[in-house]
PDB file of N, CA and C in Angstrom:
ATOM      1  N   UNK A   1     -12.765 -17.139 269.987  1.00  0.00           N
ATOM      2  CA  UNK A   1     -12.458 -17.726 268.611  1.00  0.00           C
ATOM      3  C   UNK A   1     -13.863 -17.189 267.526  1.00  0.00           C
ATOM      4  N   UNK A   2     -13.357 -17.361 266.344  1.00  0.00           N
ATOM      5  CA  UNK A   2     -14.167 -16.864 265.398  1.00  0.00           C
ATOM      6  C   UNK A   2     -15.229 -17.656 265.102  1.00  0.00           C
ATOM      7  N   UNK A   3     -16.331 -17.736 264.674  1.00  0.00           N
ATOM      8  CA  UNK A   3     -17.564 -18.581 264.366  1.00  0.00           C
ATOM      9  C   UNK A   3     -17.065 -18.943 262.730  1.00  0.00           C
ATOM     10  N   UNK A   4     -17.029 -20.056 262.412  1.00  0.00           N
ATOM     11  CA  UNK A   4     -16.894 -20.389 260.671  1.00  0.00           C
ATOM     12  C   UNK A   4     -17.934 -20.420 260.332  1.00  0.00           C
ATOM     13  N   UNK A   5     -18.657 -19.984 259.168  1.00  0.00           N
ATOM     14  CA  UNK A   5     -19.841 -19.846 258.733  1.00  0.00           C
ATOM     15  C   UNK A   5     -20.152 -21.377 258.238  1.00  0.00           C
ATOM     16  N   UNK A   6     -21.268 -21.924 258.453  1.00  0.00           N
ATOM     17  CA  UNK A   6     -21.637 -23.445 258.552  1.00  0.00           C
ATOM     18  C   UNK A   6     -21.857 -23.681 257.094  1.00  0.00           C
ATOM     19  N   UNK A   7     -22.195 -22.986 255.876  1.00  0.00           N
ATOM     20  CA  UNK A   7     -22.054 -22.942 254.750  1.00  0.00           C
ATOM     21  C   UNK A   7     -20.638 -23.547 254.076  1.00  0.00           C
ATOM     22  N   UNK A   8     -19.874 -22.574 254.463  1.00  0.00           N
ATOM     23  CA  UNK A   8     -18.440 -22.896 254.194  1.00  0.00           C
ATOM     24  C   UNK A   8     -17.997 -24.388 254.544  1.00  0.00           C
ATOM     25  N   UNK A   9     -18.046 -24.368 255.854  1.00  0.00           N
ATOM     26  CA  UNK A   9     -17.845 -26.019 256.437  1.00  0.00           C
ATOM     27  C   UNK A   9     -18.504 -27.353 255.744  1.00  0.00           C
ATOM     28  N   UNK A  10     -19.590 -27.240 255.196  1.00  0.00           N
ATOM     29  CA  UNK A  10     -20.338 -28.102 254.738  1.00  0.00           C
ATOM     30  C   UNK A  10     -20.006 -27.588 253.241  1.00  0.00           C
ATOM     31  N   UNK A  11     -19.872 -26.932 252.601  1.00  0.00           N
ATOM     32  CA  UNK A  11     -19.113 -27.239 251.117  1.00  0.00           C
ATOM     33  C   UNK A  11     -17.734 -27.898 251.041  1.00  0.00           C
ATOM     34  N   UNK A  12     -16.715 -27.377 252.307  1.00  0.00           N
ATOM     35  CA  UNK A  12     -15.429 -27.911 252.218  1.00  0.00           C
ATOM     36  C   UNK A  12     -15.739 -29.575 252.558  1.00  0.00           C
ATOM     37  N   UNK A  13     -16.496 -30.321 253.193  1.00  0.00           N
ATOM     38  CA  UNK A  13     -16.926 -31.378 253.538  1.00  0.00           C
ATOM     39  C   UNK A  13     -17.158 -32.120 252.137  1.00  0.00           C
ATOM     40  N   UNK A  14     -18.436 -31.458 251.570  1.00  0.00           N
ATOM     41  CA  UNK A  14     -18.946 -32.310 250.497  1.00  0.00           C
ATOM     42  C   UNK A  14     -18.086 -32.090 249.165  1.00  0.00           C
ATOM     43  N   UNK A  15     -17.140 -31.700 249.204  1.00  0.00           N
ATOM     44  CA  UNK A  15     -16.051 -31.539 248.013  1.00  0.00           C
ATOM     45  C   UNK A  15     -14.709 -32.168 248.514  1.00  0.00           C
ATOM     46  N   UNK A  16     -14.503 -33.287 248.447  1.00  0.00           N
ATOM     47  CA  UNK A  16     -13.044 -34.002 248.638  1.00  0.00           C
ATOM     48  C   UNK A  16     -12.221 -33.544 247.669  1.00  0.00           C
ATOM     49  N   UNK A  17     -11.055 -33.426 248.245  1.00  0.00           N
ATOM     50  CA  UNK A  17      -9.813 -33.134 247.166  1.00  0.00           C
ATOM     51  C   UNK A  17      -9.378 -34.306 246.546  1.00  0.00           C
ATOM     52  N   UNK A  18      -9.438 -33.957 244.943  1.00  0.00           N
ATOM     53  CA  UNK A  18      -8.789 -34.926 244.230  1.00  0.00           C
ATOM     54  C   UNK A  18      -7.552 -35.381 244.170  1.00  0.00           C
ATOM     55  N   UNK A  19      -6.908 -36.280 244.036  1.00  0.00           N
ATOM     56  CA  UNK A  19      -5.636 -37.091 244.173  1.00  0.00           C
ATOM     57  C   UNK A  19      -5.391 -36.743 242.445  1.00  0.00           C
ATOM     58  N   UNK A  20      -3.861 -36.600 242.115  1.00  0.00           N
ATOM     59  CA  UNK A  20      -3.346 -36.532 240.855  1.00  0.00           C
ATOM     60  C   UNK A  20      -3.584 -37.715 240.100  1.00  0.00           C
ATOM     61  N   UNK A  21      -3.892 -38.783 240.711  1.00  0.00           N
ATOM     62  CA  UNK A  21      -3.996 -40.331 239.981  1.00  0.00           C
ATOM     63  C   UNK A  21      -5.706 -40.237 239.409  1.00  0.00           C
ATOM     64  N   UNK A  22      -6.599 -39.193 240.157  1.00  0.00           N
ATOM     65  CA  UNK A  22      -8.029 -39.269 240.185  1.00  0.00           C
ATOM     66  C   UNK A  22      -8.273 -38.319 239.012  1.00  0.00           C
ATOM     67  N   UNK A  23      -7.422 -37.152 238.647  1.00  0.00           N
ATOM     68  CA  UNK A  23      -7.738 -36.261 237.726  1.00  0.00           C
ATOM     69  C   UNK A  23      -7.805 -36.978 236.300  1.00  0.00           C
ATOM     70  N   UNK A  24      -8.755 -36.901 235.587  1.00  0.00           N
ATOM     71  CA  UNK A  24      -8.908 -37.299 234.287  1.00  0.00           C
ATOM     72  C   UNK A  24      -8.079 -36.213 233.036  1.00  0.00           C
ATOM     73  N   UNK A  25      -7.739 -36.833 231.957  1.00  0.00           N
ATOM     74  CA  UNK A  25      -7.530 -35.910 231.213  1.00  0.00           C
ATOM     75  C   UNK A  25      -9.031 -35.273 230.338  1.00  0.00           C
ATOM     76  N   UNK A  26      -8.712 -34.090 230.045  1.00  0.00           N
ATOM     77  CA  UNK A  26      -9.468 -33.144 229.455  1.00  0.00           C
ATOM     78  C   UNK A  26      -9.150 -32.783 227.923  1.00  0.00           C
ATOM     79  N   UNK A  27     -10.358 -32.902 227.151  1.00  0.00           N
ATOM     80  CA  UNK A  27      -9.899 -32.735 225.797  1.00  0.00           C
ATOM     81  C   UNK A  27     -10.374 -31.368 225.509  1.00  0.00           C
ATOM     82  N   UNK A  28      -9.274 -30.576 224.979  1.00  0.00           N
ATOM     83  CA  UNK A  28      -9.558 -29.159 224.488  1.00  0.00           C
ATOM     84  C   UNK A  28      -9.724 -29.146 223.200  1.00  0.00           C
ATOM     85  N   UNK A  29     -10.991 -28.923 222.632  1.00  0.00           N
ATOM     86  CA  UNK A  29     -11.342 -28.910 221.108  1.00  0.00           C
ATOM     87  C   UNK A  29     -11.284 -27.608 220.813  1.00  0.00           C
ATOM     88  N   UNK A  30     -10.585 -27.267 219.697  1.00  0.00           N
ATOM     89  CA  UNK A  30     -10.375 -26.058 219.024  1.00  0.00           C
ATOM     90  C   UNK A  30     -11.412 -25.871 217.884  1.00  0.00           C
ATOM     91  N   UNK A  31     -11.761 -24.925 217.056  1.00  0.00           N
ATOM     92  CA  UNK A  31     -12.079 -24.820 215.891  1.00  0.00           C
ATOM     93  C   UNK A  31     -11.626 -25.297 214.833  1.00  0.00           C
ATOM     94  N   UNK A  32     -12.025 -26.599 214.331  1.00  0.00           N
ATOM     95  CA  UNK A  32     -11.683 -27.162 213.393  1.00  0.00           C
ATOM     96  C   UNK A  32     -11.083 -26.508 211.977  1.00  0.00           C
ATOM     97  N   UNK A  33     -12.029 -25.615 211.745  1.00  0.00           N
ATOM     98  CA  UNK A  33     -11.310 -25.155 210.564  1.00  0.00           C
ATOM     99  C   UNK A  33      -9.870 -24.366 210.837  1.00  0.00           C
ATOM    100  N   UNK A  34      -9.332 -23.877 211.926  1.00  0.00           N
ATOM    101  CA  UNK A  34      -8.032 -23.457 212.158  1.00  0.00           C
ATOM    102  C   UNK A  34      -7.112 -24.751 212.450  1.00  0.00           C
ATOM    103  N   UNK A  35      -7.474 -25.641 213.510  1.00  0.00           N
ATOM    104  CA  UNK A  35      -6.571 -26.668 214.014  1.00  0.00           C
ATOM    105  C   UNK A  35      -6.805 -27.552 213.408  1.00  0.00           C
ATOM    106  N   UNK A  36      -7.916 -27.879 212.489  1.00  0.00           N
ATOM    107  CA  UNK A  36      -8.324 -29.535 212.322  1.00  0.00           C
ATOM    108  C   UNK A  36      -8.947 -30.285 213.078  1.00  0.00           C
ATOM    109  N   UNK A  37      -9.271 -31.587 213.078  1.00  0.00           N
ATOM    110  CA  UNK A  37     -10.221 -32.155 213.796  1.00  0.00           C
ATOM    111  C   UNK A  37      -9.179 -32.842 214.966  1.00  0.00           C
ATOM    112  N   UNK A  38      -9.540 -32.844 215.973  1.00  0.00           N
ATOM    113  CA  UNK A  38      -9.323 -33.181 217.393  1.00  0.00           C
ATOM    114  C   UNK A  38      -8.682 -34.823 217.164  1.00  0.00           C
ATOM    115  N   UNK A  39      -7.412 -35.250 217.657  1.00  0.00           N
ATOM    116  CA  UNK A  39      -6.924 -36.301 217.360  1.00  0.00           C
ATOM    117  C   UNK A  39      -7.423 -37.023 218.388  1.00  0.00           C
ATOM    118  N   UNK A  40      -8.631 -37.993 218.822  1.00  0.00           N
ATOM    119  CA  UNK A  40      -8.776 -38.825 219.531  1.00  0.00           C
ATOM    120  C   UNK A  40      -7.622 -39.943 219.709  1.00  0.00           C
ATOM    121  N   UNK A  41      -7.102 -40.353 218.578  1.00  0.00           N
ATOM    122  CA  UNK A  41      -6.349 -41.448 218.409  1.00  0.00           C
ATOM    123  C   UNK A  41      -4.812 -40.931 218.462  1.00  0.00           C
ATOM    124  N   UNK A  42      -4.470 -39.663 219.172  1.00  0.00           N
ATOM    125  CA  UNK A  42      -3.285 -39.168 219.085  1.00  0.00           C
ATOM    126  C   UNK A  42      -2.103 -40.283 219.325  1.00  0.00           C
ATOM    127  N   UNK A  43      -2.169 -41.122 219.966  1.00  0.00           N
ATOM    128  CA  UNK A  43      -1.367 -42.122 220.601  1.00  0.00           C
ATOM    129  C   UNK A  43      -0.726 -42.780 219.263  1.00  0.00           C
ATOM    130  N   UNK A  44      -1.922 -43.522 218.660  1.00  0.00           N
ATOM    131  CA  UNK A  44      -1.433 -44.258 217.554  1.00  0.00           C
ATOM    132  C   UNK A  44      -0.997 -43.416 216.441  1.00  0.00           C
ATOM    133  N   UNK A  45      -1.414 -42.333 216.205  1.00  0.00           N
ATOM    134  CA  UNK A  45      -0.635 -41.238 215.249  1.00  0.00           C
ATOM    135  C   UNK A  45       0.818 -40.864 215.319  1.00  0.00           C
ATOM    136  N   UNK A  46       1.077 -40.668 216.831  1.00  0.00           N
ATOM    137  CA  UNK A  46       2.495 -40.281 217.306  1.00  0.00           C
ATOM    138  C   UNK A  46       3.160 -41.471 217.079  1.00  0.00           C
ATOM    139  N   UNK A  47       2.757 -42.684 217.497  1.00  0.00           N
ATOM    140  CA  UNK A  47       3.493 -43.907 217.544  1.00  0.00           C
ATOM    141  C   UNK A  47       4.105 -44.349 216.016  1.00  0.00           C
ATOM    142  N   UNK A  48       2.778 -44.188 215.181  1.00  0.00           N
ATOM    143  CA  UNK A  48       3.307 -44.490 213.868  1.00  0.00           C
ATOM    144  C   UNK A  48       4.213 -43.737 213.112  1.00  0.00           C
ATOM    145  N   UNK A  49       4.306 -42.413 213.779  1.00  0.00           N
ATOM    146  CA  UNK A  49       5.283 -41.209 213.326  1.00  0.00           C
ATOM    147  C   UNK A  49       6.414 -41.678 213.615  1.00  0.00           C
ATOM    148  N   UNK A  50       6.467 -42.215 215.019  1.00  0.00           N
ATOM    149  CA  UNK A  50       8.104 -42.459 215.584  1.00  0.00           C
ATOM    150  C   UNK A  50       8.370 -43.584 214.778  1.00  0.00           C
ATOM    151  N   UNK A  51       7.505 -44.361 214.303  1.00  0.00           N
ATOM    152  CA  UNK A  51       8.451 -45.618 213.403  1.00  0.00           C
ATOM    153  C   UNK A  51       9.107 -45.011 212.602  1.00  0.00           C
ATOM    154  N   UNK A  52       9.027 -44.230 211.928  1.00  0.00           N
ATOM    155  CA  UNK A  52       9.884 -43.631 210.524  1.00  0.00           C
ATOM    156  C   UNK A  52      10.927 -42.734 211.021  1.00  0.00           C
ATOM    157  N   UNK A  53      10.704 -42.227 212.649  1.00  0.00           N
ATOM    158  CA  UNK A  53      12.156 -41.298 213.067  1.00  0.00           C
ATOM    159  C   UNK A  53      13.223 -42.045 213.994  1.00  0.00           C
ATOM    160  N   UNK A  54      12.469 -43.200 214.400  1.00  0.00           N
ATOM    161  CA  UNK A  54      13.638 -43.844 215.360  1.00  0.00           C
ATOM    162  C   UNK A  54      14.369 -44.787 214.714  1.00  0.00           C
ATOM    163  N   UNK A  55      15.305 -45.049 215.299  1.00  0.00           N
ATOM    164  CA  UNK A  55      16.725 -45.918 214.693  1.00  0.00           C
ATOM    165  C   UNK A  55      16.008 -47.561 215.046  1.00  0.00           C
ATOM    166  N   UNK A  56      15.392 -47.748 216.227  1.00  0.00           N
ATOM    167  CA  UNK A  56      14.958 -48.986 216.793  1.00  0.00           C
ATOM    168  C   UNK A  56      13.566 -48.779 217.480  1.00  0.00           C
ATOM    169  N   UNK A  57      12.533 -48.456 216.655  1.00  0.00           N
ATOM    170  CA  UNK A  57      11.351 -48.006 217.079  1.00  0.00           C
ATOM    171  C   UNK A  57      10.393 -49.062 217.885  1.00  0.00           C
ATOM    172  N   UNK A  58      10.940 -50.574 217.732  1.00  0.00           N
ATOM    173  CA  UNK A  58      10.393 -51.620 218.514  1.00  0.00           C
ATOM    174  C   UNK A  58      10.641 -51.467 220.039  1.00  0.00           C
ATOM    175  N   UNK A  59      12.002 -50.712 220.150  1.00  0.00           N
ATOM    176  CA  UNK A  59      12.362 -50.712 221.739  1.00  0.00           C
ATOM    177  C   UNK A  59      12.042 -49.275 222.425  1.00  0.00           C
ATOM    178  N   UNK A  60      11.008 -48.473 221.581  1.00  0.00           N
ATOM    179  CA  UNK A  60      10.441 -47.539 222.302  1.00  0.00           C
ATOM    180  C   UNK A  60       9.609 -47.648 223.503  1.00  0.00           C
ATOM    181  N   UNK A  61       9.952 -46.931 224.492  1.00  0.00           N
ATOM    182  CA  UNK A  61       8.853 -46.783 225.456  1.00  0.00           C
ATOM    183  C   UNK A  61       8.533 -45.414 225.964  1.00  0.00           C
ATOM    184  N   UNK A  62       7.216 -45.412 225.531  1.00  0.00           N
ATOM    185  CA  UNK A  62       6.582 -43.596 225.454  1.00  0.00           C
ATOM    186  C   UNK A  62       5.839 -43.590 226.953  1.00  0.00           C
ATOM    187  N   UNK A  63       6.239 -42.356 227.365  1.00  0.00           N
ATOM    188  CA  UNK A  63       5.408 -41.674 228.407  1.00  0.00           C
ATOM    189  C   UNK A  63       4.838 -40.531 227.842  1.00  0.00           C
ATOM    190  N   UNK A  64       3.367 -40.510 227.810  1.00  0.00           N
ATOM    191  CA  UNK A  64       2.465 -39.539 227.197  1.00  0.00           C
ATOM    192  C   UNK A  64       2.366 -38.813 228.567  1.00  0.00           C
ATOM    193  N   UNK A  65       2.395 -37.157 227.999  1.00  0.00           N
ATOM    194  CA  UNK A  65       2.393 -36.176 229.056  1.00  0.00           C
ATOM    195  C   UNK A  65       1.402 -35.208 229.187  1.00  0.00           C
ATOM    196  N   UNK A  66       0.028 -36.000 228.618  1.00  0.00           N
ATOM    197  CA  UNK A  66      -1.139 -35.449 228.386  1.00  0.00           C
ATOM    198  C   UNK A  66      -1.843 -35.445 227.263  1.00  0.00           C
ATOM    199  N   UNK A  67      -3.039 -34.938 227.107  1.00  0.00           N
ATOM    200  CA  UNK A  67      -3.653 -35.002 225.998  1.00  0.00           C
ATOM    201  C   UNK A  67      -3.565 -33.889 225.173  1.00  0.00           C
ATOM    202  N   UNK A  68      -3.763 -33.861 223.753  1.00  0.00           N
ATOM    203  CA  UNK A  68      -3.564 -32.783 222.775  1.00  0.00           C
ATOM    204  C   UNK A  68      -3.859 -31.455 223.239  1.00  0.00           C
ATOM    205  N   UNK A  69      -3.212 -30.313 222.989  1.00  0.00           N
ATOM    206  CA  UNK A  69      -3.738 -28.945 222.949  1.00  0.00           C
ATOM    207  C   UNK A  69      -3.645 -28.386 221.704  1.00  0.00           C
ATOM    208  N   UNK A  70      -4.413 -27.527 221.344  1.00  0.00           N
ATOM    209  CA  UNK A  70      -4.363 -26.676 220.357  1.00  0.00           C
ATOM    210  C   UNK A  70      -3.275 -25.698 220.290  1.00  0.00           C
ATOM    211  N   UNK A  71      -2.449 -25.701 219.218  1.00  0.00           N
ATOM    212  CA  UNK A  71      -1.130 -24.700 219.170  1.00  0.00           C
ATOM    213  C   UNK A  71      -0.783 -24.396 218.032  1.00  0.00           C
ATOM    214  N   UNK A  72      -0.128 -23.643 217.670  1.00  0.00           N
ATOM    215  CA  UNK A  72       0.663 -23.048 216.461  1.00  0.00           C
ATOM    216  C   UNK A  72       2.143 -23.123 216.546  1.00  0.00           C
ATOM    217  N   UNK A  73       2.781 -23.641 215.662  1.00  0.00           N
ATOM    218  CA  UNK A  73       4.172 -23.749 215.913  1.00  0.00           C
ATOM    219  C   UNK A  73       4.819 -22.800 214.636  1.00  0.00           C
ATOM    220  N   UNK A  74       5.752 -22.338 214.309  1.00  0.00           N
ATOM    221  CA  UNK A  74       6.318 -21.887 213.499  1.00  0.00           C
ATOM    222  C   UNK A  74       7.015 -22.707 212.337  1.00  0.00           C
ATOM    223  N   UNK A  75       7.027 -22.691 211.122  1.00  0.00           N
ATOM    224  CA  UNK A  75       7.972 -23.836 210.480  1.00  0.00           C
ATOM    225  C   UNK A  75       9.211 -23.109 210.092  1.00  0.00           C
ATOM    226  N   UNK A  76      10.006 -24.002 209.080  1.00  0.00           N
ATOM    227  CA  UNK A  76      11.447 -23.639 208.926  1.00  0.00           C
ATOM    228  C   UNK A  76      11.255 -21.894 207.876  1.00  0.00           C
ATOM    229  N   UNK A  77       9.869 -21.755 207.412  1.00  0.00           N
ATOM    230  CA  UNK A  77      10.059 -20.327 206.889  1.00  0.00           C
ATOM    231  C   UNK A  77       9.395 -19.353 207.559  1.00  0.00           C
ATOM    232  N   UNK A  78       9.338 -19.556 208.923  1.00  0.00           N
ATOM    233  CA  UNK A  78       8.468 -18.761 209.772  1.00  0.00           C
ATOM    234  C   UNK A  78       7.165 -18.524 209.878  1.00  0.00           C
ATOM    235  N   UNK A  79       6.472 -19.018 208.718  1.00  0.00           N
ATOM    236  CA  UNK A  79       4.888 -19.599 208.557  1.00  0.00           C
ATOM    237  C   UNK A  79       4.391 -20.306 209.968  1.00  0.00           C
ATOM    238  N   UNK A  80       3.115 -19.851 210.342  1.00  0.00           N
ATOM    239  CA  UNK A  80       2.516 -20.664 211.496  1.00  0.00           C
ATOM    240  C   UNK A  80       1.931 -21.724 211.069  1.00  0.00           C
ATOM    241  N   UNK A  81       2.186 -22.680 211.921  1.00  0.00           N
ATOM    242  CA  UNK A  81       1.395 -24.001 211.579  1.00  0.00           C
ATOM    243  C   UNK A  81       0.350 -24.322 212.603  1.00  0.00           C
ATOM    244  N   UNK A  82      -0.862 -24.509 212.468  1.00  0.00           N
ATOM    245  CA  UNK A  82      -1.778 -24.899 213.185  1.00  0.00           C
ATOM    246  C   UNK A  82      -2.256 -26.600 213.534  1.00  0.00           C
ATOM    247  N   UNK A  83      -2.418 -26.874 214.794  1.00  0.00           N
ATOM    248  CA  UNK A  83      -2.765 -28.043 214.899  1.00  0.00           C
ATOM    249  C   UNK A  83      -2.789 -28.307 216.804  1.00  0.00           C
ATOM    250  N   UNK A  84      -2.651 -29.850 216.846  1.00  0.00           N
ATOM    251  CA  UNK A  84      -2.657 -30.289 218.021  1.00  0.00           C
ATOM    252  C   UNK A  84      -1.484 -30.588 218.711  1.00  0.00           C
ATOM    253  N   UNK A  85      -0.992 -30.179 219.505  1.00  0.00           N
ATOM    254  CA  UNK A  85       0.674 -30.315 220.002  1.00  0.00           C
ATOM    255  C   UNK A  85       0.357 -31.472 221.037  1.00  0.00           C
ATOM    256  N   UNK A  86       1.161 -32.769 221.093  1.00  0.00           N
ATOM    257  CA  UNK A  86       1.118 -33.901 221.990  1.00  0.00           C
ATOM    258  C   UNK A  86       2.702 -33.798 222.466  1.00  0.00           C
ATOM    259  N   UNK A  87       2.638 -33.849 223.694  1.00  0.00           N
ATOM    260  CA  UNK A  87       4.076 -34.070 224.398  1.00  0.00           C
ATOM    261  C   UNK A  87       4.135 -35.141 225.065  1.00  0.00           C
ATOM    262  N   UNK A  88       5.431 -35.863 225.049  1.00  0.00           N
ATOM    263  CA  UNK A  88       5.358 -37.322 225.280  1.00  0.00           C
ATOM    264  C   UNK A  88       7.196 -37.294 225.813  1.00  0.00           C
ATOM    265  N   UNK A  89       7.638 -38.184 226.374  1.00  0.00           N
ATOM    266  CA  UNK A  89       8.720 -38.483 226.593  1.00  0.00           C
ATOM    267  C   UNK A  89       8.960 -40.032 225.727  1.00  0.00           C
ATOM    268  N   UNK A  90      10.267 -40.445 225.465  1.00  0.00           N
ATOM    269  CA  UNK A  90      10.447 -41.631 224.388  1.00  0.00           C
ATOM    270  C   UNK A  90      12.000 -41.987 225.103  1.00  0.00           C
ATOM    271  N   UNK A  91      12.171 -43.185 225.253  1.00  0.00           N
ATOM    272  CA  UNK A  91      13.294 -43.982 225.466  1.00  0.00           C
ATOM    273  C   UNK A  91      13.448 -44.981 224.428  1.00  0.00           C
ATOM    274  N   UNK A  92      14.544 -44.992 223.813  1.00  0.00           N
ATOM    275  CA  UNK A  92      14.470 -46.242 222.590  1.00  0.00           C
ATOM    276  C   UNK A  92      15.973 -46.313 222.231  1.00  0.00           C
ATOM    277  N   UNK A  93      16.544 -47.286 221.996  1.00  0.00           N
ATOM    278  CA  UNK A  93      17.913 -47.795 221.384  1.00  0.00           C
ATOM    279  C   UNK A  93      17.973 -46.784 220.053  1.00  0.00           C
ATOM    280  N   UNK A  94      19.375 -46.293 220.270  1.00  0.00           N
ATOM    281  CA  UNK A  94      19.950 -45.573 218.783  1.00  0.00           C
ATOM    282  C   UNK A  94      20.438 -46.331 218.077  1.00  0.00           C
ATOM    283  N   UNK A  95      21.253 -45.713 217.088  1.00  0.00           N
ATOM    284  CA  UNK A  95      21.876 -46.927 215.797  1.00  0.00           C
ATOM    285  C   UNK A  95      22.918 -47.507 216.516  1.00  0.00           C
ATOM    286  N   UNK A  96      23.880 -47.247 217.521  1.00  0.00           N
ATOM    287  CA  UNK A  96      24.523 -48.190 218.336  1.00  0.00           C
ATOM    288  C   UNK A  96      24.180 -49.041 219.434  1.00  0.00           C
ATOM    289  N   UNK A  97      22.996 -49.086 219.530  1.00  0.00           N
ATOM    290  CA  UNK A  97      22.028 -50.386 220.135  1.00  0.00           C
ATOM    291  C   UNK A  97      22.164 -49.826 221.585  1.00  0.00           C
ATOM    292  N   UNK A  98      22.671 -48.433 222.126  1.00  0.00           N
ATOM    293  CA  UNK A  98      22.344 -48.195 223.422  1.00  0.00           C
ATOM    294  C   UNK A  98      21.080 -47.413 223.626  1.00  0.00           C
ATOM    295  N   UNK A  99      20.322 -47.474 225.024  1.00  0.00           N
ATOM    296  CA  UNK A  99      19.403 -46.738 225.023  1.00  0.00           C
ATOM    297  C   UNK A  99      19.616 -45.352 225.333  1.00  0.00           C
ATOM    298  N   UNK A 100      18.593 -44.383 224.827  1.00  0.00           N
ATOM    299  CA  UNK A 100      19.014 -42.950 224.957  1.00  0.00           C
ATOM    300  C   UNK A 100      18.626 -42.163 226.229  1.00  0.00           C
ATOM    301  N   UNK A 101      17.726 -43.152 226.880  1.00  0.00           N
ATOM    302  CA  UNK A 101      17.162 -42.435 228.102  1.00  0.00           C
ATOM    303  C   UNK A 101      15.775 -41.589 227.857  1.00  0.00           C
ATOM    304  N   UNK A 102      14.977 -41.311 228.696  1.00  0.00           N
ATOM    305  CA  UNK A 102      13.850 -40.524 228.564  1.00  0.00           C
ATOM    306  C   UNK A 102      14.077 -39.384 228.028  1.00  0.00           C
ATOM    307  N   UNK A 103      13.558 -38.493 226.879  1.00  0.00           N
ATOM    308  CA  UNK A 103      14.016 -37.498 226.355  1.00  0.00           C
ATOM    309  C   UNK A 103      12.582 -36.953 225.935  1.00  0.00           C
ATOM    310  N   UNK A 104      12.219 -35.480 226.266  1.00  0.00           N
ATOM    311  CA  UNK A 104      11.131 -35.167 225.524  1.00  0.00           C
ATOM    312  C   UNK A 104      11.086 -34.674 224.363  1.00  0.00           C
ATOM    313  N   UNK A 105      10.022 -35.103 223.838  1.00  0.00           N
ATOM    314  CA  UNK A 105       9.616 -34.795 222.701  1.00  0.00           C
ATOM    315  C   UNK A 105       8.090 -34.254 222.338  1.00  0.00           C
ATOM    316  N   UNK A 106       7.757 -33.594 220.919  1.00  0.00           N
ATOM    317  CA  UNK A 106       6.389 -33.048 221.058  1.00  0.00           C
ATOM    318  C   UNK A 106       5.962 -33.196 219.721  1.00  0.00           C
ATOM    319  N   UNK A 107       4.756 -33.573 219.136  1.00  0.00           N
ATOM    320  CA  UNK A 107       4.547 -33.650 217.618  1.00  0.00           C
ATOM    321  C   UNK A 107       3.359 -32.720 217.649  1.00  0.00           C
ATOM    322  N   UNK A 108       3.069 -31.822 216.491  1.00  0.00           N
ATOM    323  CA  UNK A 108       2.110 -31.219 216.008  1.00  0.00           C
ATOM    324  C   UNK A 108       1.179 -32.091 214.861  1.00  0.00           C
ATOM    325  N   UNK A 109       0.078 -32.445 215.268  1.00  0.00           N
ATOM    326  CA  UNK A 109      -1.134 -33.259 214.678  1.00  0.00           C
ATOM    327  C   UNK A 109      -2.126 -32.132 213.949  1.00  0.00           C
ATOM    328  N   UNK A 110      -2.185 -32.667 212.853  1.00  0.00           N
ATOM    329  CA  UNK A 110      -3.413 -31.917 212.184  1.00  0.00           C
ATOM    330  C   UNK A 110      -4.070 -32.840 210.945  1.00  0.00           C
ATOM    331  N   UNK A 111      -5.127 -33.320 211.483  1.00  0.00           N
ATOM    332  CA  UNK A 111      -5.995 -33.950 210.383  1.00  0.00           C
ATOM    333  C   UNK A 111      -5.539 -35.457 210.509  1.00  0.00           C
ATOM    334  N   UNK A 112      -4.932 -35.946 211.368  1.00  0.00           N
ATOM    335  CA  UNK A 112      -4.628 -37.400 211.595  1.00  0.00           C
ATOM    336  C   UNK A 112      -3.242 -37.464 211.465  1.00  0.00           C
ATOM    337  N   UNK A 113      -2.374 -36.357 210.925  1.00  0.00           N
ATOM    338  CA  UNK A 113      -0.856 -36.450 210.344  1.00  0.00           C
ATOM    339  C   UNK A 113      -0.055 -35.637 211.211  1.00  0.00           C
ATOM    340  N   UNK A 114       1.029 -36.112 211.521  1.00  0.00           N
ATOM    341  CA  UNK A 114       2.002 -35.028 212.446  1.00  0.00           C
ATOM    342  C   UNK A 114       2.797 -34.251 211.295  1.00  0.00           C
ATOM    343  N   UNK A 115       2.516 -33.074 211.354  1.00  0.00           N
ATOM    344  CA  UNK A 115       3.165 -31.802 210.589  1.00  0.00           C
ATOM    345  C   UNK A 115       4.105 -31.376 211.054  1.00  0.00           C
ATOM    346  N   UNK A 116       4.768 -31.350 212.202  1.00  0.00           N
ATOM    347  CA  UNK A 116       6.030 -31.019 212.711  1.00  0.00           C
ATOM    348  C   UNK A 116       6.046 -31.755 213.904  1.00  0.00           C
ATOM    349  N   UNK A 117       7.343 -32.133 213.948  1.00  0.00           N
ATOM    350  CA  UNK A 117       7.976 -32.709 215.159  1.00  0.00           C
ATOM    351  C   UNK A 117       8.960 -32.057 215.868  1.00  0.00           C
ATOM    352  N   UNK A 118       9.200 -31.928 217.202  1.00  0.00           N
ATOM    353  CA  UNK A 118      10.080 -31.053 217.666  1.00  0.00           C
ATOM    354  C   UNK A 118      11.008 -31.776 218.721  1.00  0.00           C
ATOM    355  N   UNK A 119      11.967 -31.705 219.109  1.00  0.00           N
ATOM    356  CA  UNK A 119      13.053 -32.446 220.084  1.00  0.00           C
ATOM    357  C   UNK A 119      13.706 -33.516 219.244  1.00  0.00           C
ATOM    358  N   UNK A 120      13.412 -33.809 217.530  1.00  0.00           N
ATOM    359  CA  UNK A 120      14.489 -34.614 217.058  1.00  0.00           C
ATOM    360  C   UNK A 120      15.661 -33.945 216.122  1.00  0.00           C
ATOM    361  N   UNK A 121      15.867 -32.552 216.229  1.00  0.00           N
ATOM    362  CA  UNK A 121      16.425 -32.216 215.414  1.00  0.00           C
ATOM    363  C   UNK A 121      15.996 -31.811 214.050  1.00  0.00           C
ATOM    364  N   UNK A 122      15.043 -31.439 213.700  1.00  0.00           N
ATOM    365  CA  UNK A 122      14.252 -31.246 212.528  1.00  0.00           C
ATOM    366  C   UNK A 122      12.960 -30.192 212.685  1.00  0.00           C
TER     367      UNK A 122
END
């Protein structure tokens, strides 16, 4: 039987494994000159933006998929748009009154405004 170094055993016992529920969100803040200010209130920004895009915003159930991350996306002319990407799923009623089911979407936020949305066909 091989001897296990005592330091390795003690280090393993001293560092408990974190479960998924225990892992907290980490803000990834990038250069504000390139990406704009970090949107600490991203949920509010995206929710207000969705009110202008959904047929029945009051029925919307949103599932956030993590904190905003620095990103750049192409606009319709191929120019790069820099900001913070927020990914989420949303279920709401369509114009016929039927629930759409949870669908993945994302919004690119820069300086407190959504400058591009994906997953909505625009």
